[in-house]
Amino acid sequence: MKYRVAAAIAVAGILAAGAARADSTFTNGLYTVINYSGAYPDFEKNLKFNTPSYMDGVEADVGWRFNRFYSLEASYSYFTGSNHPKGGPSTTNTLQTASIDALGYLPLGRATSWALYADVGATEYFEDVTGTGLAKSPNADRFGGRAGGGVQYQFDEDLGLRVGGRYEFASLPEMKSAVVFAVGLVWQR
């Protein structure tokens, strides 16, 4: 009888510790994410200059987590890409974005540090194209949107890792849309 009671207490303690860890892993409050991002843009077909097929970028996000399942995030991204064809004009495309996103999380169990997430948001895009042989540097800013998702792992209640992808769209003069991936560190508190 003593062993059954001790085993029940041990199991209850393990379950309570696991539940407490799961509740504290995705804590409510302020968090930041610093990402390395890459973009595969879909440029308008323009015969005046060559466009890059890939753009490197960085992204900084600041968010507020309301609970384990929802958060709101403000983001700034900076992407750049160049194309230097033989015998043709070289160009550099720069894309900056400022966005507001709503994120929904699906924790993969009560006592786990893993969660899937989905995001949807509105974005302001700023595009700039510079290059040799261009009479005027085309630039534009437009309003657009984005949607995506990914997975997040919390090492502890302060530090996590986020990997995701999204589709961004806008009616910029040179670019219609982009598929973006991001890998970043999450800092909570």
N, C-alpha and C. Protein backbone atom coordinates (compact mmCIF):
# COMPACT_ATOMS: atom_id res chain seq x y z
N MET A 1 0.82 -1.19 0.00
CA MET A 1 0.00 0.00 0.00
C MET A 1 0.87 1.26 0.00
N LYS A 2 1.95 1.24 0.80
CA LYS A 2 2.83 2.40 0.86
C LYS A 2 3.45 2.69 -0.50
N TYR A 3 3.81 1.61 -1.21
CA TYR A 3 4.43 1.79 -2.53
C TYR A 3 3.45 2.39 -3.53
N ARG A 4 2.21 1.99 -3.44
CA ARG A 4 1.20 2.55 -4.35
C ARG A 4 0.99 4.04 -4.08
N VAL A 5 0.92 4.39 -2.83
CA VAL A 5 0.76 5.79 -2.48
C VAL A 5 1.99 6.59 -2.92
N ALA A 6 3.19 6.05 -2.68
CA ALA A 6 4.43 6.73 -3.09
C ALA A 6 4.50 6.85 -4.61
N ALA A 7 4.10 5.79 -5.31
CA ALA A 7 4.11 5.84 -6.77
C ALA A 7 3.10 6.86 -7.27
N ALA A 8 1.92 6.92 -6.66
CA ALA A 8 0.90 7.90 -7.07
C ALA A 8 1.40 9.32 -6.82
N ILE A 9 2.06 9.55 -5.71
CA ILE A 9 2.60 10.88 -5.41
C ILE A 9 3.71 11.23 -6.41
N ALA A 10 4.57 10.26 -6.73
CA ALA A 10 5.65 10.50 -7.69
C ALA A 10 5.09 10.82 -9.07
N VAL A 11 4.09 10.06 -9.51
CA VAL A 11 3.47 10.31 -10.82
C VAL A 11 2.79 11.68 -10.82
N ALA A 12 2.07 12.02 -9.76
CA ALA A 12 1.42 13.33 -9.68
C ALA A 12 2.45 14.45 -9.70
N GLY A 13 3.57 14.27 -9.01
CA GLY A 13 4.63 15.28 -9.02
C GLY A 13 5.24 15.45 -10.40
N ILE A 14 5.49 14.33 -11.10
CA ILE A 14 6.04 14.41 -12.46
C ILE A 14 5.07 15.10 -13.39
N LEU A 15 3.78 14.74 -13.31
CA LEU A 15 2.78 15.39 -14.17
C LEU A 15 2.65 16.88 -13.86
N ALA A 16 2.67 17.23 -12.58
CA ALA A 16 2.57 18.65 -12.22
C ALA A 16 3.80 19.42 -12.68
N ALA A 17 4.97 18.81 -12.55
CA ALA A 17 6.20 19.48 -13.02
C ALA A 17 6.17 19.65 -14.53
N GLY A 18 5.71 18.63 -15.24
CA GLY A 18 5.59 18.73 -16.70
C GLY A 18 4.59 19.78 -17.11
N ALA A 19 3.46 19.84 -16.43
CA ALA A 19 2.45 20.86 -16.75
C ALA A 19 2.97 22.25 -16.43
N ALA A 20 3.68 22.39 -15.32
CA ALA A 20 4.23 23.71 -14.97
C ALA A 20 5.27 24.13 -15.99
N ARG A 21 6.09 23.18 -16.45
CA ARG A 21 7.10 23.51 -17.45
C ARG A 21 6.45 23.91 -18.76
N ALA A 22 5.40 23.21 -19.16
CA ALA A 22 4.73 23.55 -20.41
C ALA A 22 4.06 24.91 -20.32
N ASP A 23 3.48 25.21 -19.16
CA ASP A 23 2.83 26.50 -19.02
C ASP A 23 3.85 27.64 -19.00
N SER A 24 5.03 27.41 -18.42
CA SER A 24 6.00 28.48 -18.31
C SER A 24 6.91 28.58 -19.53
N THR A 25 6.94 27.54 -20.39
CA THR A 25 7.81 27.59 -21.56
C THR A 25 7.36 28.66 -22.53
N PHE A 26 6.09 28.74 -22.82
CA PHE A 26 5.54 29.79 -23.67
C PHE A 26 4.87 30.81 -22.77
N THR A 27 5.67 31.71 -22.20
CA THR A 27 5.16 32.65 -21.21
C THR A 27 4.48 33.84 -21.87
N ASN A 28 3.53 34.40 -21.16
CA ASN A 28 2.84 35.61 -21.62
C ASN A 28 3.80 36.79 -21.51
N GLY A 29 3.58 37.79 -22.36
CA GLY A 29 4.37 39.00 -22.27
C GLY A 29 5.17 39.31 -23.51
N LEU A 30 6.13 40.19 -23.34
CA LEU A 30 6.94 40.72 -24.43
C LEU A 30 7.99 39.70 -24.88
N TYR A 31 8.22 39.65 -26.20
CA TYR A 31 9.29 38.82 -26.75
C TYR A 31 9.86 39.49 -27.99
N THR A 32 11.08 39.11 -28.35
CA THR A 32 11.72 39.59 -29.57
C THR A 32 12.25 38.39 -30.35
N VAL A 33 12.34 38.57 -31.67
CA VAL A 33 12.89 37.53 -32.55
C VAL A 33 13.86 38.23 -33.51
N ILE A 34 15.06 37.69 -33.63
CA ILE A 34 16.04 38.17 -34.60
C ILE A 34 16.24 37.03 -35.60
N ASN A 35 15.93 37.31 -36.89
CA ASN A 35 15.94 36.28 -37.92
C ASN A 35 16.98 36.54 -38.99
N TYR A 36 17.51 35.46 -39.55
CA TYR A 36 18.13 35.51 -40.87
C TYR A 36 17.02 35.10 -41.82
N SER A 37 16.82 35.86 -42.88
CA SER A 37 15.76 35.58 -43.84
C SER A 37 16.31 35.51 -45.25
N GLY A 38 15.68 34.71 -46.04
CA GLY A 38 15.99 34.62 -47.46
C GLY A 38 14.70 34.71 -48.24
N ALA A 39 14.77 35.29 -49.43
CA ALA A 39 13.56 35.48 -50.24
C ALA A 39 13.81 35.04 -51.67
N TYR A 40 12.82 34.37 -52.22
CA TYR A 40 12.80 34.01 -53.63
C TYR A 40 11.72 34.87 -54.29
N PRO A 41 12.10 36.02 -54.86
CA PRO A 41 11.11 36.96 -55.38
C PRO A 41 10.58 36.56 -56.75
N ASP A 42 9.37 36.98 -57.03
CA ASP A 42 8.75 36.82 -58.34
C ASP A 42 8.67 38.21 -58.96
N PHE A 43 9.67 38.54 -59.77
CA PHE A 43 9.75 39.87 -60.36
C PHE A 43 8.88 39.95 -61.61
N GLU A 44 8.42 41.15 -61.88
CA GLU A 44 7.74 41.43 -63.15
C GLU A 44 8.75 41.22 -64.27
N LYS A 45 8.29 40.79 -65.40
CA LYS A 45 9.19 40.59 -66.54
C LYS A 45 9.54 41.96 -67.11
N ASN A 46 10.77 42.39 -66.86
CA ASN A 46 11.23 43.71 -67.27
C ASN A 46 12.51 43.53 -68.09
N LEU A 47 12.50 43.97 -69.31
CA LEU A 47 13.65 43.78 -70.18
C LEU A 47 14.69 44.88 -70.01
N LYS A 48 14.42 45.90 -69.19
CA LYS A 48 15.37 46.99 -69.01
C LYS A 48 16.58 46.59 -68.17
N PHE A 49 16.37 45.70 -67.20
CA PHE A 49 17.47 45.31 -66.34
C PHE A 49 17.25 43.91 -65.81
N ASN A 50 18.32 43.30 -65.33
CA ASN A 50 18.29 41.94 -64.80
C ASN A 50 17.97 41.97 -63.32
N THR A 51 17.22 41.00 -62.87
CA THR A 51 16.82 40.94 -61.47
C THR A 51 17.43 39.70 -60.82
N PRO A 52 17.70 39.78 -59.51
CA PRO A 52 18.27 38.62 -58.82
C PRO A 52 17.21 37.55 -58.59
N SER A 53 17.65 36.30 -58.51
CA SER A 53 16.72 35.21 -58.25
C SER A 53 16.61 34.91 -56.76
N TYR A 54 17.47 35.51 -55.94
CA TYR A 54 17.47 35.27 -54.51
C TYR A 54 17.91 36.54 -53.80
N MET A 55 17.30 36.81 -52.63
CA MET A 55 17.66 37.98 -51.85
C MET A 55 17.93 37.55 -50.41
N ASP A 56 19.05 38.03 -49.83
CA ASP A 56 19.38 37.79 -48.42
C ASP A 56 18.76 38.87 -47.57
N GLY A 57 18.45 38.53 -46.32
CA GLY A 57 17.87 39.54 -45.47
C GLY A 57 17.99 39.25 -43.99
N VAL A 58 17.64 40.25 -43.21
CA VAL A 58 17.53 40.14 -41.76
C VAL A 58 16.16 40.66 -41.37
N GLU A 59 15.68 40.20 -40.24
CA GLU A 59 14.36 40.61 -39.77
C GLU A 59 14.39 40.71 -38.25
N ALA A 60 13.76 41.75 -37.74
CA ALA A 60 13.62 41.94 -36.30
C ALA A 60 12.14 42.04 -35.97
N ASP A 61 11.69 41.24 -35.03
CA ASP A 61 10.30 41.20 -34.63
C ASP A 61 10.19 41.53 -33.14
N VAL A 62 9.16 42.25 -32.78
CA VAL A 62 8.82 42.50 -31.38
C VAL A 62 7.36 42.14 -31.23
N GLY A 63 7.07 41.30 -30.24
CA GLY A 63 5.69 40.84 -30.10
C GLY A 63 5.23 40.79 -28.66
N TRP A 64 3.93 40.61 -28.53
CA TRP A 64 3.30 40.44 -27.22
C TRP A 64 2.49 39.16 -27.27
N ARG A 65 2.86 38.20 -26.40
CA ARG A 65 2.14 36.94 -26.32
C ARG A 65 1.04 37.08 -25.27
N PHE A 66 -0.21 36.90 -25.71
CA PHE A 66 -1.36 37.03 -24.81
C PHE A 66 -1.54 35.77 -23.97
N ASN A 67 -1.29 34.61 -24.55
CA ASN A 67 -1.34 33.33 -23.85
C ASN A 67 -0.56 32.32 -24.68
N ARG A 68 -0.70 31.03 -24.38
CA ARG A 68 0.05 30.00 -25.11
C ARG A 68 -0.35 29.92 -26.57
N PHE A 69 -1.50 30.49 -26.94
CA PHE A 69 -2.05 30.26 -28.28
C PHE A 69 -2.04 31.47 -29.20
N TYR A 70 -1.91 32.69 -28.68
CA TYR A 70 -2.03 33.87 -29.53
C TYR A 70 -0.98 34.92 -29.20
N SER A 71 -0.52 35.61 -30.26
CA SER A 71 0.36 36.77 -30.05
C SER A 71 0.18 37.74 -31.21
N LEU A 72 0.64 38.96 -30.99
CA LEU A 72 0.63 40.02 -32.00
C LEU A 72 2.06 40.50 -32.14
N GLU A 73 2.51 40.72 -33.40
CA GLU A 73 3.92 40.99 -33.65
C GLU A 73 4.10 42.12 -34.65
N ALA A 74 5.07 43.00 -34.39
CA ALA A 74 5.48 44.03 -35.34
C ALA A 74 6.86 43.64 -35.87
N SER A 75 7.06 43.77 -37.20
CA SER A 75 8.30 43.30 -37.81
C SER A 75 8.90 44.35 -38.74
N TYR A 76 10.21 44.31 -38.85
CA TYR A 76 10.93 45.08 -39.86
C TYR A 76 11.89 44.12 -40.55
N SER A 77 11.89 44.13 -41.90
CA SER A 77 12.77 43.26 -42.68
C SER A 77 13.55 44.09 -43.68
N TYR A 78 14.77 43.62 -43.98
CA TYR A 78 15.61 44.27 -44.98
C TYR A 78 16.23 43.18 -45.84
N PHE A 79 15.92 43.19 -47.15
CA PHE A 79 16.44 42.21 -48.10
C PHE A 79 17.22 42.92 -49.19
N THR A 80 18.27 42.27 -49.67
CA THR A 80 19.01 42.81 -50.80
C THR A 80 19.50 41.66 -51.67
N GLY A 81 19.56 41.92 -52.97
CA GLY A 81 20.03 40.94 -53.93
C GLY A 81 20.62 41.64 -55.14
N SER A 82 21.63 41.03 -55.75
CA SER A 82 22.30 41.62 -56.91
C SER A 82 22.36 40.62 -58.05
N ASN A 83 22.46 41.16 -59.26
CA ASN A 83 22.65 40.35 -60.44
C ASN A 83 23.70 41.02 -61.32
N HIS A 84 24.74 40.28 -61.66
CA HIS A 84 25.84 40.80 -62.45
C HIS A 84 26.05 39.90 -63.68
N PRO A 85 25.21 40.01 -64.70
CA PRO A 85 25.38 39.16 -65.88
C PRO A 85 26.54 39.62 -66.74
N LYS A 86 27.12 38.70 -67.47
CA LYS A 86 28.22 39.04 -68.38
C LYS A 86 27.68 39.86 -69.53
N GLY A 87 28.27 41.01 -69.76
CA GLY A 87 27.89 41.86 -70.88
C GLY A 87 26.61 42.65 -70.67
N GLY A 88 25.94 42.49 -69.53
CA GLY A 88 24.70 43.22 -69.29
C GLY A 88 24.84 44.15 -68.10
N PRO A 89 23.86 45.00 -67.89
CA PRO A 89 23.93 45.91 -66.74
C PRO A 89 23.71 45.15 -65.44
N SER A 90 24.48 45.52 -64.43
CA SER A 90 24.30 44.91 -63.11
C SER A 90 23.30 45.74 -62.32
N THR A 91 22.51 45.05 -61.51
CA THR A 91 21.49 45.72 -60.71
C THR A 91 21.52 45.19 -59.28
N THR A 92 21.05 46.02 -58.38
CA THR A 92 20.87 45.64 -56.99
C THR A 92 19.45 46.01 -56.58
N ASN A 93 18.72 45.04 -56.09
CA ASN A 93 17.36 45.26 -55.61
C ASN A 93 17.38 45.24 -54.08
N THR A 94 16.74 46.23 -53.49
CA THR A 94 16.60 46.30 -52.04
C THR A 94 15.11 46.34 -51.72
N LEU A 95 14.72 45.53 -50.76
CA LEU A 95 13.32 45.48 -50.33
C LEU A 95 13.29 45.61 -48.82
N GLN A 96 12.53 46.58 -48.32
CA GLN A 96 12.33 46.76 -46.89
C GLN A 96 10.85 46.59 -46.61
N THR A 97 10.52 45.97 -45.49
CA THR A 97 9.12 45.78 -45.12
C THR A 97 8.90 46.16 -43.66
N ALA A 98 7.73 46.67 -43.39
CA ALA A 98 7.27 46.91 -42.02
C ALA A 98 5.89 46.29 -41.93
N SER A 99 5.67 45.43 -40.94
CA SER A 99 4.41 44.68 -40.91
C SER A 99 3.89 44.50 -39.50
N ILE A 100 2.61 44.20 -39.44
CA ILE A 100 1.92 43.80 -38.22
C ILE A 100 1.31 42.43 -38.50
N ASP A 101 1.60 41.45 -37.64
CA ASP A 101 1.14 40.08 -37.84
C ASP A 101 0.39 39.58 -36.61
N ALA A 102 -0.62 38.76 -36.86
CA ALA A 102 -1.30 38.01 -35.81
C ALA A 102 -0.81 36.57 -35.92
N LEU A 103 -0.36 35.99 -34.80
CA LEU A 103 0.15 34.64 -34.78
C LEU A 103 -0.72 33.75 -33.91
N GLY A 104 -0.97 32.55 -34.39
CA GLY A 104 -1.67 31.53 -33.63
C GLY A 104 -0.75 30.34 -33.42
N TYR A 105 -0.66 29.83 -32.19
CA TYR A 105 0.24 28.73 -31.86
C TYR A 105 -0.57 27.49 -31.53
N LEU A 106 -0.02 26.34 -31.90
CA LEU A 106 -0.59 25.05 -31.54
C LEU A 106 0.50 24.26 -30.83
N PRO A 107 0.55 24.34 -29.47
CA PRO A 107 1.56 23.56 -28.74
C PRO A 107 1.35 22.07 -29.02
N LEU A 108 2.45 21.35 -29.21
CA LEU A 108 2.37 19.92 -29.54
C LEU A 108 2.37 19.10 -28.26
N GLY A 109 1.36 19.30 -27.46
CA GLY A 109 1.22 18.61 -26.18
C GLY A 109 1.34 19.57 -25.02
N ARG A 110 0.85 19.13 -23.88
CA ARG A 110 0.86 19.99 -22.70
C ARG A 110 2.25 20.13 -22.09
N ALA A 111 3.04 19.08 -22.14
CA ALA A 111 4.35 19.09 -21.49
C ALA A 111 5.48 19.12 -22.52
N THR A 112 5.32 19.89 -23.58
CA THR A 112 6.34 19.94 -24.61
C THR A 112 6.79 21.37 -24.85
N SER A 113 7.97 21.52 -25.39
CA SER A 113 8.50 22.84 -25.74
C SER A 113 8.30 23.15 -27.21
N TRP A 114 7.64 22.28 -27.94
CA TRP A 114 7.40 22.45 -29.38
C TRP A 114 6.03 23.04 -29.63
N ALA A 115 5.94 23.92 -30.65
CA ALA A 115 4.65 24.46 -31.06
C ALA A 115 4.69 24.79 -32.55
N LEU A 116 3.63 24.47 -33.24
CA LEU A 116 3.44 24.94 -34.61
C LEU A 116 2.83 26.33 -34.54
N TYR A 117 3.10 27.16 -35.53
CA TYR A 117 2.46 28.48 -35.54
C TYR A 117 2.05 28.84 -36.96
N ALA A 118 1.06 29.70 -37.04
CA ALA A 118 0.61 30.27 -38.31
C ALA A 118 0.52 31.77 -38.12
N ASP A 119 0.85 32.54 -39.18
CA ASP A 119 0.75 33.99 -39.06
C ASP A 119 0.12 34.58 -40.31
N VAL A 120 -0.56 35.68 -40.10
CA VAL A 120 -1.16 36.45 -41.19
C VAL A 120 -0.98 37.92 -40.83
N GLY A 121 -0.67 38.73 -41.86
CA GLY A 121 -0.40 40.12 -41.54
C GLY A 121 -0.51 41.06 -42.71
N ALA A 122 -0.45 42.33 -42.40
CA ALA A 122 -0.46 43.41 -43.38
C ALA A 122 0.93 44.04 -43.39
N THR A 123 1.41 44.40 -44.59
CA THR A 123 2.79 44.85 -44.74
C THR A 123 2.87 46.06 -45.65
N GLU A 124 3.77 46.97 -45.31
CA GLU A 124 4.13 48.09 -46.18
C GLU A 124 5.49 47.75 -46.79
N TYR A 125 5.58 47.76 -48.12
CA TYR A 125 6.79 47.39 -48.84
C TYR A 125 7.45 48.64 -49.41
N PHE A 126 8.79 48.67 -49.34
CA PHE A 126 9.60 49.74 -49.91
C PHE A 126 10.64 49.09 -50.80
N GLU A 127 10.52 49.27 -52.11
CA GLU A 127 11.44 48.64 -53.07
C GLU A 127 12.32 49.71 -53.71
N ASP A 128 13.60 49.38 -53.89
CA ASP A 128 14.55 50.28 -54.54
C ASP A 128 15.43 49.45 -55.47
N VAL A 129 15.59 49.91 -56.69
CA VAL A 129 16.43 49.23 -57.68
C VAL A 129 17.51 50.20 -58.12
N THR A 130 18.77 49.80 -58.00
CA THR A 130 19.89 50.61 -58.48
C THR A 130 20.72 49.75 -59.42
N GLY A 131 21.39 50.40 -60.35
CA GLY A 131 22.23 49.62 -61.26
C GLY A 131 22.87 50.46 -62.32
N THR A 132 23.80 49.80 -63.04
CA THR A 132 24.48 50.47 -64.14
C THR A 132 23.56 50.48 -65.35
N GLY A 133 23.56 51.56 -66.06
CA GLY A 133 22.74 51.66 -67.26
C GLY A 133 21.31 52.08 -67.01
N LEU A 134 20.94 52.33 -65.74
CA LEU A 134 19.58 52.79 -65.45
C LEU A 134 19.58 54.31 -65.42
N ALA A 135 18.70 54.93 -66.20
CA ALA A 135 18.62 56.39 -66.23
C ALA A 135 18.13 56.91 -64.90
N LYS A 136 17.12 56.24 -64.33
CA LYS A 136 16.55 56.65 -63.05
C LYS A 136 16.38 55.40 -62.19
N SER A 137 16.68 55.53 -60.93
CA SER A 137 16.54 54.40 -60.02
C SER A 137 15.06 54.21 -59.68
N PRO A 138 14.44 53.10 -60.16
CA PRO A 138 13.04 52.89 -59.82
C PRO A 138 12.89 52.49 -58.36
N ASN A 139 11.99 53.17 -57.68
CA ASN A 139 11.66 52.77 -56.32
C ASN A 139 10.17 52.98 -56.12
N ALA A 140 9.63 52.27 -55.15
CA ALA A 140 8.19 52.34 -54.91
C ALA A 140 7.89 51.86 -53.51
N ASP A 141 6.76 52.28 -53.00
CA ASP A 141 6.25 51.72 -51.76
C ASP A 141 4.78 51.40 -51.95
N ARG A 142 4.39 50.23 -51.48
CA ARG A 142 3.03 49.74 -51.65
C ARG A 142 2.60 48.98 -50.40
N PHE A 143 1.31 48.85 -50.27
CA PHE A 143 0.70 48.08 -49.20
C PHE A 143 0.42 46.67 -49.71
N GLY A 144 0.67 45.65 -48.89
CA GLY A 144 0.42 44.27 -49.29
C GLY A 144 0.13 43.42 -48.07
N GLY A 145 0.28 42.12 -48.23
CA GLY A 145 0.00 41.20 -47.14
C GLY A 145 0.94 40.02 -47.15
N ARG A 146 0.81 39.20 -46.12
CA ARG A 146 1.62 38.00 -46.03
C ARG A 146 0.94 36.97 -45.15
N ALA A 147 1.25 35.71 -45.40
CA ALA A 147 0.71 34.60 -44.62
C ALA A 147 1.73 33.48 -44.62
N GLY A 148 1.82 32.76 -43.52
CA GLY A 148 2.78 31.67 -43.45
C GLY A 148 2.65 30.89 -42.17
N GLY A 149 3.71 30.17 -41.85
CA GLY A 149 3.71 29.35 -40.65
C GLY A 149 5.06 28.71 -40.43
N GLY A 150 5.15 27.91 -39.38
CA GLY A 150 6.40 27.25 -39.07
C GLY A 150 6.33 26.52 -37.75
N VAL A 151 7.49 26.32 -37.15
CA VAL A 151 7.59 25.62 -35.88
C VAL A 151 8.52 26.41 -34.95
N GLN A 152 8.21 26.36 -33.66
CA GLN A 152 9.03 27.03 -32.66
C GLN A 152 9.36 26.05 -31.55
N TYR A 153 10.60 26.08 -31.11
CA TYR A 153 11.06 25.25 -29.99
C TYR A 153 11.63 26.15 -28.91
N GLN A 154 11.18 25.97 -27.68
CA GLN A 154 11.69 26.76 -26.55
C GLN A 154 12.68 25.92 -25.77
N PHE A 155 13.95 26.36 -25.71
CA PHE A 155 14.96 25.67 -24.91
C PHE A 155 14.63 25.79 -23.43
N ASP A 156 14.20 26.96 -23.03
CA ASP A 156 13.72 27.22 -21.68
C ASP A 156 12.73 28.36 -21.78
N GLU A 157 12.34 28.95 -20.66
CA GLU A 157 11.32 30.00 -20.72
C GLU A 157 11.82 31.31 -21.31
N ASP A 158 13.14 31.46 -21.50
CA ASP A 158 13.69 32.70 -22.05
C ASP A 158 14.12 32.60 -23.51
N LEU A 159 14.66 31.47 -23.93
CA LEU A 159 15.30 31.35 -25.24
C LEU A 159 14.65 30.25 -26.08
N GLY A 160 14.40 30.58 -27.35
CA GLY A 160 13.82 29.60 -28.26
C GLY A 160 14.36 29.76 -29.66
N LEU A 161 13.95 28.85 -30.53
CA LEU A 161 14.35 28.84 -31.93
C LEU A 161 13.09 28.74 -32.77
N ARG A 162 13.01 29.58 -33.80
CA ARG A 162 11.85 29.60 -34.69
C ARG A 162 12.30 29.41 -36.13
N VAL A 163 11.64 28.51 -36.85
CA VAL A 163 11.90 28.26 -38.26
C VAL A 163 10.57 28.33 -38.99
N GLY A 164 10.51 29.14 -40.05
CA GLY A 164 9.24 29.26 -40.74
C GLY A 164 9.38 29.77 -42.16
N GLY A 165 8.27 29.82 -42.82
CA GLY A 165 8.20 30.34 -44.18
C GLY A 165 6.89 31.08 -44.37
N ARG A 166 6.86 31.93 -45.39
CA ARG A 166 5.64 32.68 -45.66
C ARG A 166 5.61 33.14 -47.11
N TYR A 167 4.44 33.50 -47.55
CA TYR A 167 4.22 34.04 -48.88
C TYR A 167 3.86 35.50 -48.71
N GLU A 168 4.59 36.40 -49.38
CA GLU A 168 4.33 37.83 -49.30
C GLU A 168 3.90 38.33 -50.67
N PHE A 169 2.94 39.24 -50.70
CA PHE A 169 2.45 39.74 -51.99
C PHE A 169 2.18 41.24 -51.90
N ALA A 170 2.45 41.91 -53.02
CA ALA A 170 2.19 43.34 -53.17
C ALA A 170 2.26 43.66 -54.66
N SER A 171 1.70 44.78 -55.04
CA SER A 171 1.73 45.17 -56.45
C SER A 171 2.83 46.21 -56.67
N LEU A 172 4.07 45.84 -56.35
CA LEU A 172 5.21 46.72 -56.60
C LEU A 172 5.49 46.75 -58.09
N PRO A 173 6.09 47.84 -58.59
CA PRO A 173 6.35 47.92 -60.03
C PRO A 173 7.28 46.82 -60.54
N GLU A 174 8.25 46.41 -59.75
CA GLU A 174 9.21 45.41 -60.20
C GLU A 174 8.97 44.02 -59.63
N MET A 175 8.27 43.92 -58.50
CA MET A 175 8.10 42.63 -57.84
C MET A 175 6.64 42.40 -57.48
N LYS A 176 6.12 41.21 -57.80
CA LYS A 176 4.74 40.86 -57.49
C LYS A 176 4.61 40.19 -56.13
N SER A 177 5.53 39.27 -55.85
CA SER A 177 5.43 38.49 -54.62
C SER A 177 6.79 37.89 -54.29
N ALA A 178 6.86 37.22 -53.14
CA ALA A 178 8.10 36.54 -52.74
C ALA A 178 7.74 35.41 -51.78
N VAL A 179 8.50 34.34 -51.89
CA VAL A 179 8.45 33.26 -50.91
C VAL A 179 9.64 33.49 -49.99
N VAL A 180 9.37 33.62 -48.69
CA VAL A 180 10.40 33.99 -47.71
C VAL A 180 10.52 32.88 -46.68
N PHE A 181 11.75 32.56 -46.30
CA PHE A 181 11.98 31.66 -45.17
C PHE A 181 12.77 32.42 -44.13
N ALA A 182 12.64 32.01 -42.88
CA ALA A 182 13.33 32.69 -41.79
C ALA A 182 13.73 31.69 -40.71
N VAL A 183 14.91 31.90 -40.14
CA VAL A 183 15.42 31.12 -39.00
C VAL A 183 15.83 32.16 -37.97
N GLY A 184 15.27 32.05 -36.76
CA GLY A 184 15.57 33.09 -35.79
C GLY A 184 15.60 32.62 -34.35
N LEU A 185 16.22 33.44 -33.51
CA LEU A 185 16.25 33.22 -32.06
C LEU A 185 15.16 34.05 -31.41
N VAL A 186 14.43 33.42 -30.49
CA VAL A 186 13.35 34.06 -29.76
C VAL A 186 13.83 34.33 -28.34
N TRP A 187 13.63 35.57 -27.90
CA TRP A 187 13.97 35.94 -26.52
C TRP A 187 12.71 36.46 -25.86
N GLN A 188 12.27 35.77 -24.78
CA GLN A 188 11.07 36.14 -24.05
C GLN A 188 11.44 36.82 -22.76
N ARG A 189 10.55 37.61 -22.23
CA ARG A 189 10.61 38.31 -20.95
C ARG A 189 10.56 39.77 -21.13
